[in-house]
PDB file of N, CA and C in Angstrom:
ATOM      1  N   MET A   1       2.897  -8.293  -7.840  1.00  0.00           N
ATOM      2  CA  MET A   1       3.413  -7.120  -7.179  1.00  0.00           C
ATOM      3  C   MET A   1       3.578  -7.394  -5.687  1.00  0.00           C
ATOM      4  N   ALA A   2       4.677  -7.943  -5.317  1.00  0.00           N
ATOM      5  CA  ALA A   2       4.900  -8.272  -3.923  1.00  0.00           C
ATOM      6  C   ALA A   2       5.392  -7.051  -3.159  1.00  0.00           C
ATOM      7  N   ARG A   3       4.875  -6.869  -1.951  1.00  0.00           N
ATOM      8  CA  ARG A   3       5.293  -5.815  -1.030  1.00  0.00           C
ATOM      9  C   ARG A   3       5.161  -4.412  -1.624  1.00  0.00           C
ATOM     10  N   VAL A   4       4.093  -4.194  -2.382  1.00  0.00           N
ATOM     11  CA  VAL A   4       3.785  -2.879  -2.929  1.00  0.00           C
ATOM     12  C   VAL A   4       2.321  -2.579  -2.621  1.00  0.00           C
ATOM     13  N   CYS A   5       2.054  -1.400  -2.082  1.00  0.00           N
ATOM     14  CA  CYS A   5       0.676  -0.990  -1.803  1.00  0.00           C
ATOM     15  C   CYS A   5      -0.022  -0.691  -3.124  1.00  0.00           C
ATOM     16  N   GLN A   6      -1.218  -1.244  -3.314  1.00  0.00           N
ATOM     17  CA  GLN A   6      -1.934  -1.090  -4.568  1.00  0.00           C
ATOM     18  C   GLN A   6      -2.591   0.278  -4.697  1.00  0.00           C
ATOM     19  N   ILE A   7      -2.733   1.019  -3.624  1.00  0.00           N
ATOM     20  CA  ILE A   7      -3.349   2.344  -3.669  1.00  0.00           C
ATOM     21  C   ILE A   7      -2.286   3.443  -3.697  1.00  0.00           C
ATOM     22  N   THR A   8      -1.391   3.436  -2.738  1.00  0.00           N
ATOM     23  CA  THR A   8      -0.402   4.515  -2.639  1.00  0.00           C
ATOM     24  C   THR A   8       0.851   4.246  -3.457  1.00  0.00           C
ATOM     25  N   GLY A   9       1.115   2.976  -3.794  1.00  0.00           N
ATOM     26  CA  GLY A   9       2.329   2.649  -4.537  1.00  0.00           C
ATOM     27  C   GLY A   9       3.567   2.560  -3.670  1.00  0.00           C
ATOM     28  N   LYS A  10       3.395   2.548  -2.345  1.00  0.00           N
ATOM     29  CA  LYS A  10       4.547   2.467  -1.440  1.00  0.00           C
ATOM     30  C   LYS A  10       5.289   1.156  -1.670  1.00  0.00           C
ATOM     31  N   ARG A  11       6.634   1.241  -1.696  1.00  0.00           N
ATOM     32  CA  ARG A  11       7.510   0.103  -1.924  1.00  0.00           C
ATOM     33  C   ARG A  11       8.552   0.033  -0.809  1.00  0.00           C
ATOM     34  N   PRO A  12       9.281  -1.077  -0.715  1.00  0.00           N
ATOM     35  CA  PRO A  12      10.376  -1.117   0.260  1.00  0.00           C
ATOM     36  C   PRO A  12      11.443  -0.068  -0.070  1.00  0.00           C
ATOM     37  N   GLN A  13      12.014   0.516   0.982  1.00  0.00           N
ATOM     38  CA  GLN A  13      13.108   1.465   0.808  1.00  0.00           C
ATOM     39  C   GLN A  13      14.393   0.813   1.263  1.00  0.00           C
ATOM     40  N   VAL A  14      15.518   1.341   0.806  1.00  0.00           N
ATOM     41  CA  VAL A  14      16.822   0.778   1.125  1.00  0.00           C
ATOM     42  C   VAL A  14      17.548   1.720   2.064  1.00  0.00           C
ATOM     43  N   GLY A  15      18.242   1.130   3.040  1.00  0.00           N
ATOM     44  CA  GLY A  15      19.024   1.923   3.982  1.00  0.00           C
ATOM     45  C   GLY A  15      20.160   1.091   4.543  1.00  0.00           C
ATOM     46  N   ASN A  16      20.708   1.532   5.636  1.00  0.00           N
ATOM     47  CA  ASN A  16      21.827   0.840   6.257  1.00  0.00           C
ATOM     48  C   ASN A  16      21.516   0.486   7.696  1.00  0.00           C
ATOM     49  N   ASN A  17      21.988  -0.707   8.124  1.00  0.00           N
ATOM     50  CA  ASN A  17      22.122  -0.994   9.542  1.00  0.00           C
ATOM     51  C   ASN A  17      23.443  -0.364   9.958  1.00  0.00           C
ATOM     52  N   VAL A  18      23.447   0.393  11.029  1.00  0.00           N
ATOM     53  CA  VAL A  18      24.678   1.037  11.487  1.00  0.00           C
ATOM     54  C   VAL A  18      24.980   0.515  12.882  1.00  0.00           C
ATOM     55  N   SER A  19      26.109  -0.142  13.024  1.00  0.00           N
ATOM     56  CA  SER A  19      26.492  -0.714  14.315  1.00  0.00           C
ATOM     57  C   SER A  19      27.105   0.359  15.214  1.00  0.00           C
ATOM     58  N   HIS A  20      27.368  -0.026  16.446  1.00  0.00           N
ATOM     59  CA  HIS A  20      28.000   0.886  17.400  1.00  0.00           C
ATOM     60  C   HIS A  20      29.388   1.306  16.905  1.00  0.00           C
ATOM     61  N   ALA A  21      30.062   0.397  16.181  1.00  0.00           N
ATOM     62  CA  ALA A  21      31.378   0.686  15.618  1.00  0.00           C
ATOM     63  C   ALA A  21      31.272   1.403  14.267  1.00  0.00           C
ATOM     64  N   ASN A  22      30.050   1.814  13.903  1.00  0.00           N
ATOM     65  CA  ASN A  22      29.767   2.552  12.663  1.00  0.00           C
ATOM     66  C   ASN A  22      29.992   1.713  11.407  1.00  0.00           C
ATOM     67  N   ASN A  23      29.886   0.371  11.537  1.00  0.00           N
ATOM     68  CA  ASN A  23      29.898  -0.480  10.361  1.00  0.00           C
ATOM     69  C   ASN A  23      28.526  -0.405   9.701  1.00  0.00           C
ATOM     70  N   LYS A  24      28.514  -0.351   8.382  1.00  0.00           N
ATOM     71  CA  LYS A  24      27.246  -0.215   7.664  1.00  0.00           C
ATOM     72  C   LYS A  24      27.006  -1.431   6.785  1.00  0.00           C
ATOM     73  N   THR A  25      25.819  -2.017   6.910  1.00  0.00           N
ATOM     74  CA  THR A  25      25.395  -3.103   6.030  1.00  0.00           C
ATOM     75  C   THR A  25      24.009  -2.757   5.502  1.00  0.00           C
ATOM     76  N   LYS A  26      23.738  -3.178   4.286  1.00  0.00           N
ATOM     77  CA  LYS A  26      22.469  -2.836   3.651  1.00  0.00           C
ATOM     78  C   LYS A  26      21.299  -3.528   4.352  1.00  0.00           C
ATOM     79  N   ARG A  27      20.153  -2.843   4.378  1.00  0.00           N
ATOM     80  CA  ARG A  27      18.923  -3.411   4.894  1.00  0.00           C
ATOM     81  C   ARG A  27      17.766  -2.796   4.119  1.00  0.00           C
ATOM     82  N   ARG A  28      16.567  -3.351   4.319  1.00  0.00           N
ATOM     83  CA  ARG A  28      15.372  -2.832   3.655  1.00  0.00           C
ATOM     84  C   ARG A  28      14.339  -2.433   4.693  1.00  0.00           C
ATOM     85  N   PHE A  29      13.648  -1.328   4.425  1.00  0.00           N
ATOM     86  CA  PHE A  29      12.538  -0.872   5.244  1.00  0.00           C
ATOM     87  C   PHE A  29      11.266  -1.210   4.487  1.00  0.00           C
ATOM     88  N   TYR A  30      10.445  -2.103   5.033  1.00  0.00           N
ATOM     89  CA  TYR A  30       9.238  -2.554   4.351  1.00  0.00           C
ATOM     90  C   TYR A  30       8.031  -1.720   4.771  1.00  0.00           C
ATOM     91  N   PRO A  31       7.114  -1.445   3.833  1.00  0.00           N
ATOM     92  CA  PRO A  31       5.885  -0.741   4.223  1.00  0.00           C
ATOM     93  C   PRO A  31       4.980  -1.666   5.045  1.00  0.00           C
ATOM     94  N   ASN A  32       4.117  -1.060   5.844  1.00  0.00           N
ATOM     95  CA  ASN A  32       3.201  -1.814   6.700  1.00  0.00           C
ATOM     96  C   ASN A  32       1.998  -2.251   5.854  1.00  0.00           C
ATOM     97  N   LEU A  33       2.118  -3.396   5.178  1.00  0.00           N
ATOM     98  CA  LEU A  33       1.080  -3.861   4.266  1.00  0.00           C
ATOM     99  C   LEU A  33       0.126  -4.838   4.949  1.00  0.00           C
ATOM    100  N   GLN A  34      -1.147  -4.688   4.621  1.00  0.00           N
ATOM    101  CA  GLN A  34      -2.205  -5.549   5.125  1.00  0.00           C
ATOM    102  C   GLN A  34      -3.056  -5.993   3.943  1.00  0.00           C
ATOM    103  N   THR A  35      -3.599  -7.197   4.013  1.00  0.00           N
ATOM    104  CA  THR A  35      -4.545  -7.670   3.005  1.00  0.00           C
ATOM    105  C   THR A  35      -5.951  -7.415   3.535  1.00  0.00           C
ATOM    106  N   LYS A  36      -6.762  -6.711   2.746  1.00  0.00           N
ATOM    107  CA  LYS A  36      -8.082  -6.293   3.223  1.00  0.00           C
ATOM    108  C   LYS A  36      -9.103  -6.446   2.102  1.00  0.00           C
ATOM    109  N   ARG A  37     -10.313  -6.899   2.471  1.00  0.00           N
ATOM    110  CA  ARG A  37     -11.411  -7.044   1.514  1.00  0.00           C
ATOM    111  C   ARG A  37     -12.365  -5.861   1.664  1.00  0.00           C
ATOM    112  N   PHE A  38     -12.834  -5.361   0.519  1.00  0.00           N
ATOM    113  CA  PHE A  38     -13.793  -4.259   0.517  1.00  0.00           C
ATOM    114  C   PHE A  38     -14.947  -4.626  -0.392  1.00  0.00           C
ATOM    115  N   PHE A  39     -16.151  -4.201  -0.005  1.00  0.00           N
ATOM    116  CA  PHE A  39     -17.325  -4.380  -0.852  1.00  0.00           C
ATOM    117  C   PHE A  39     -17.560  -3.091  -1.619  1.00  0.00           C
ATOM    118  N   ILE A  40     -17.715  -3.211  -2.948  1.00  0.00           N
ATOM    119  CA  ILE A  40     -17.973  -2.060  -3.801  1.00  0.00           C
ATOM    120  C   ILE A  40     -19.432  -2.128  -4.225  1.00  0.00           C
ATOM    121  N   PRO A  41     -20.282  -1.250  -3.663  1.00  0.00           N
ATOM    122  CA  PRO A  41     -21.709  -1.346  -3.961  1.00  0.00           C
ATOM    123  C   PRO A  41     -22.060  -1.028  -5.415  1.00  0.00           C
ATOM    124  N   GLU A  42     -21.282  -0.141  -6.079  1.00  0.00           N
ATOM    125  CA  GLU A  42     -21.577   0.200  -7.470  1.00  0.00           C
ATOM    126  C   GLU A  42     -21.427  -1.004  -8.394  1.00  0.00           C
ATOM    127  N   GLU A  43     -20.433  -1.841  -8.104  1.00  0.00           N
ATOM    128  CA  GLU A  43     -20.188  -3.030  -8.928  1.00  0.00           C
ATOM    129  C   GLU A  43     -20.794  -4.285  -8.307  1.00  0.00           C
ATOM    130  N   ASN A  44     -21.312  -4.167  -7.082  1.00  0.00           N
ATOM    131  CA  ASN A  44     -21.921  -5.273  -6.342  1.00  0.00           C
ATOM    132  C   ASN A  44     -20.982  -6.471  -6.220  1.00  0.00           C
ATOM    133  N   LYS A  45     -19.718  -6.193  -5.833  1.00  0.00           N
ATOM    134  CA  LYS A  45     -18.756  -7.281  -5.657  1.00  0.00           C
ATOM    135  C   LYS A  45     -17.717  -6.921  -4.598  1.00  0.00           C
ATOM    136  N   TRP A  46     -17.040  -7.945  -4.116  1.00  0.00           N
ATOM    137  CA  TRP A  46     -15.952  -7.803  -3.151  1.00  0.00           C
ATOM    138  C   TRP A  46     -14.631  -7.786  -3.906  1.00  0.00           C
ATOM    139  N   ILE A  47     -13.673  -6.970  -3.414  1.00  0.00           N
ATOM    140  CA  ILE A  47     -12.315  -7.017  -3.958  1.00  0.00           C
ATOM    141  C   ILE A  47     -11.342  -7.146  -2.796  1.00  0.00           C
ATOM    142  N   THR A  48     -10.231  -7.788  -3.051  1.00  0.00           N
ATOM    143  CA  THR A  48      -9.178  -7.930  -2.054  1.00  0.00           C
ATOM    144  C   THR A  48      -7.995  -7.092  -2.507  1.00  0.00           C
ATOM    145  N   LEU A  49      -7.511  -6.243  -1.612  1.00  0.00           N
ATOM    146  CA  LEU A  49      -6.397  -5.357  -1.919  1.00  0.00           C
ATOM    147  C   LEU A  49      -5.282  -5.551  -0.908  1.00  0.00           C
ATOM    148  N   LYS A  50      -4.042  -5.352  -1.356  1.00  0.00           N
ATOM    149  CA  LYS A  50      -2.889  -5.332  -0.468  1.00  0.00           C
ATOM    150  C   LYS A  50      -2.546  -3.862  -0.239  1.00  0.00           C
ATOM    151  N   LEU A  51      -2.800  -3.383   0.987  1.00  0.00           N
ATOM    152  CA  LEU A  51      -2.741  -1.957   1.283  1.00  0.00           C
ATOM    153  C   LEU A  51      -1.791  -1.645   2.421  1.00  0.00           C
ATOM    154  N   SER A  52      -1.233  -0.442   2.382  1.00  0.00           N
ATOM    155  CA  SER A  52      -0.486   0.060   3.524  1.00  0.00           C
ATOM    156  C   SER A  52      -1.489   0.578   4.557  1.00  0.00           C
ATOM    157  N   ALA A  53      -1.044   0.736   5.791  1.00  0.00           N
ATOM    158  CA  ALA A  53      -1.912   1.242   6.847  1.00  0.00           C
ATOM    159  C   ALA A  53      -2.404   2.639   6.498  1.00  0.00           C
ATOM    160  N   LYS A  54      -1.569   3.441   5.862  1.00  0.00           N
ATOM    161  CA  LYS A  54      -1.957   4.791   5.431  1.00  0.00           C
ATOM    162  C   LYS A  54      -3.094   4.723   4.413  1.00  0.00           C
ATOM    163  N   ALA A  55      -3.052   3.773   3.493  1.00  0.00           N
ATOM    164  CA  ALA A  55      -4.110   3.639   2.486  1.00  0.00           C
ATOM    165  C   ALA A  55      -5.428   3.216   3.128  1.00  0.00           C
ATOM    166  N   ILE A  56      -5.385   2.369   4.156  1.00  0.00           N
ATOM    167  CA  ILE A  56      -6.605   1.958   4.850  1.00  0.00           C
ATOM    168  C   ILE A  56      -7.243   3.168   5.528  1.00  0.00           C
ATOM    169  N   LYS A  57      -6.420   4.029   6.135  1.00  0.00           N
ATOM    170  CA  LYS A  57      -6.939   5.247   6.759  1.00  0.00           C
ATOM    171  C   LYS A  57      -7.552   6.173   5.712  1.00  0.00           C
ATOM    172  N   THR A  58      -6.935   6.261   4.544  1.00  0.00           N
ATOM    173  CA  THR A  58      -7.454   7.102   3.470  1.00  0.00           C
ATOM    174  C   THR A  58      -8.801   6.576   2.986  1.00  0.00           C
ATOM    175  N   ILE A  59      -8.942   5.257   2.862  1.00  0.00           N
ATOM    176  CA  ILE A  59     -10.212   4.661   2.446  1.00  0.00           C
ATOM    177  C   ILE A  59     -11.294   4.924   3.492  1.00  0.00           C
ATOM    178  N   ASN A  60     -10.941   4.844   4.767  1.00  0.00           N
ATOM    179  CA  ASN A  60     -11.911   5.143   5.820  1.00  0.00           C
ATOM    180  C   ASN A  60     -12.374   6.602   5.756  1.00  0.00           C
ATOM    181  N   LEU A  61     -11.493   7.492   5.334  1.00  0.00           N
ATOM    182  CA  LEU A  61     -11.816   8.913   5.267  1.00  0.00           C
ATOM    183  C   LEU A  61     -12.636   9.262   4.025  1.00  0.00           C
ATOM    184  N   LYS A  62     -12.169   8.831   2.844  1.00  0.00           N
ATOM    185  CA  LYS A  62     -12.770   9.244   1.572  1.00  0.00           C
ATOM    186  C   LYS A  62     -13.816   8.276   1.037  1.00  0.00           C
ATOM    187  N   GLY A  63     -13.706   7.011   1.392  1.00  0.00           N
ATOM    188  CA  GLY A  63     -14.588   5.987   0.837  1.00  0.00           C
ATOM    189  C   GLY A  63     -13.856   5.176  -0.217  1.00  0.00           C
ATOM    190  N   VAL A  64     -14.238   3.918  -0.344  1.00  0.00           N
ATOM    191  CA  VAL A  64     -13.506   2.993  -1.212  1.00  0.00           C
ATOM    192  C   VAL A  64     -13.661   3.361  -2.693  1.00  0.00           C
ATOM    193  N   SER A  65     -14.839   3.804  -3.106  1.00  0.00           N
ATOM    194  CA  SER A  65     -15.062   4.102  -4.527  1.00  0.00           C
ATOM    195  C   SER A  65     -14.212   5.277  -4.995  1.00  0.00           C
ATOM    196  N   ALA A  66     -14.135   6.339  -4.183  1.00  0.00           N
ATOM    197  CA  ALA A  66     -13.352   7.515  -4.548  1.00  0.00           C
ATOM    198  C   ALA A  66     -11.861   7.192  -4.611  1.00  0.00           C
ATOM    199  N   VAL A  67     -11.382   6.398  -3.661  1.00  0.00           N
ATOM    200  CA  VAL A  67      -9.959   6.054  -3.620  1.00  0.00           C
ATOM    201  C   VAL A  67      -9.592   5.161  -4.803  1.00  0.00           C
ATOM    202  N   LEU A  68     -10.455   4.202  -5.146  1.00  0.00           N
ATOM    203  CA  LEU A  68     -10.191   3.337  -6.296  1.00  0.00           C
ATOM    204  C   LEU A  68     -10.162   4.138  -7.590  1.00  0.00           C
ATOM    205  N   LYS A  69     -11.037   5.110  -7.711  1.00  0.00           N
ATOM    206  CA  LYS A  69     -11.069   5.953  -8.906  1.00  0.00           C
ATOM    207  C   LYS A  69      -9.761   6.738  -9.047  1.00  0.00           C
ATOM    208  N   GLU A  70      -9.279   7.317  -7.935  1.00  0.00           N
ATOM    209  CA  GLU A  70      -8.011   8.053  -7.950  1.00  0.00           C
ATOM    210  C   GLU A  70      -6.835   7.135  -8.286  1.00  0.00           C
ATOM    211  N   ALA A  71      -6.831   5.923  -7.722  1.00  0.00           N
ATOM    212  CA  ALA A  71      -5.727   4.988  -7.950  1.00  0.00           C
ATOM    213  C   ALA A  71      -5.688   4.525  -9.401  1.00  0.00           C
ATOM    214  N   ARG A  72      -6.864   4.308  -9.997  1.00  0.00           N
ATOM    215  CA  ARG A  72      -6.903   3.916 -11.412  1.00  0.00           C
ATOM    216  C   ARG A  72      -6.378   5.050 -12.287  1.00  0.00           C
ATOM    217  N   ALA A  73      -6.724   6.283 -11.958  1.00  0.00           N
ATOM    218  CA  ALA A  73      -6.250   7.430 -12.727  1.00  0.00           C
ATOM    219  C   ALA A  73      -4.741   7.607 -12.585  1.00  0.00           C
ATOM    220  N   LYS A  74      -4.223   7.347 -11.378  1.00  0.00           N
ATOM    221  CA  LYS A  74      -2.797   7.484 -11.111  1.00  0.00           C
ATOM    222  C   LYS A  74      -1.995   6.320 -11.715  1.00  0.00           C
ATOM    223  N   GLY A  75      -2.656   5.176 -11.888  1.00  0.00           N
ATOM    224  CA  GLY A  75      -1.992   4.022 -12.492  1.00  0.00           C
ATOM    225  C   GLY A  75      -1.408   3.035 -11.513  1.00  0.00           C
ATOM    226  N   THR A  76      -1.669   3.186 -10.207  1.00  0.00           N
ATOM    227  CA  THR A  76      -1.127   2.243  -9.238  1.00  0.00           C
ATOM    228  C   THR A  76      -1.992   1.012  -9.073  1.00  0.00           C
ATOM    229  N   LEU A  77      -3.273   1.102  -9.447  1.00  0.00           N
ATOM    230  CA  LEU A  77      -4.188  -0.018  -9.281  1.00  0.00           C
ATOM    231  C   LEU A  77      -4.312  -0.767 -10.588  1.00  0.00           C
ATOM    232  N   SER A  78      -4.123  -2.087 -10.523  1.00  0.00           N
ATOM    233  CA  SER A  78      -4.122  -2.887 -11.753  1.00  0.00           C
ATOM    234  C   SER A  78      -5.448  -3.591 -12.017  1.00  0.00           C
ATOM    235  N   ILE A  79      -6.372  -3.610 -11.037  1.00  0.00           N
ATOM    236  CA  ILE A  79      -7.639  -4.326 -11.244  1.00  0.00           C
ATOM    237  C   ILE A  79      -8.745  -3.397 -11.681  1.00  0.00           C
TER     238      ILE A  79
END
């Protein structure tokens, strides 16, 4: 799963580059993805996730265990 957030499911979006002469060419808007390791005390192990900046903020707010539980229920997390 390249360039997809494992928690939020954010993917690249498609749009146009628009020149001064109003010429349009296709381009992609990529999510702000970061690779981050988290320790899960319930399972006593480390996991590495590819996350958007928004997902990292959500984990800081709710906690890693709660966010992983929601992501598994939603189906965006494969591990």
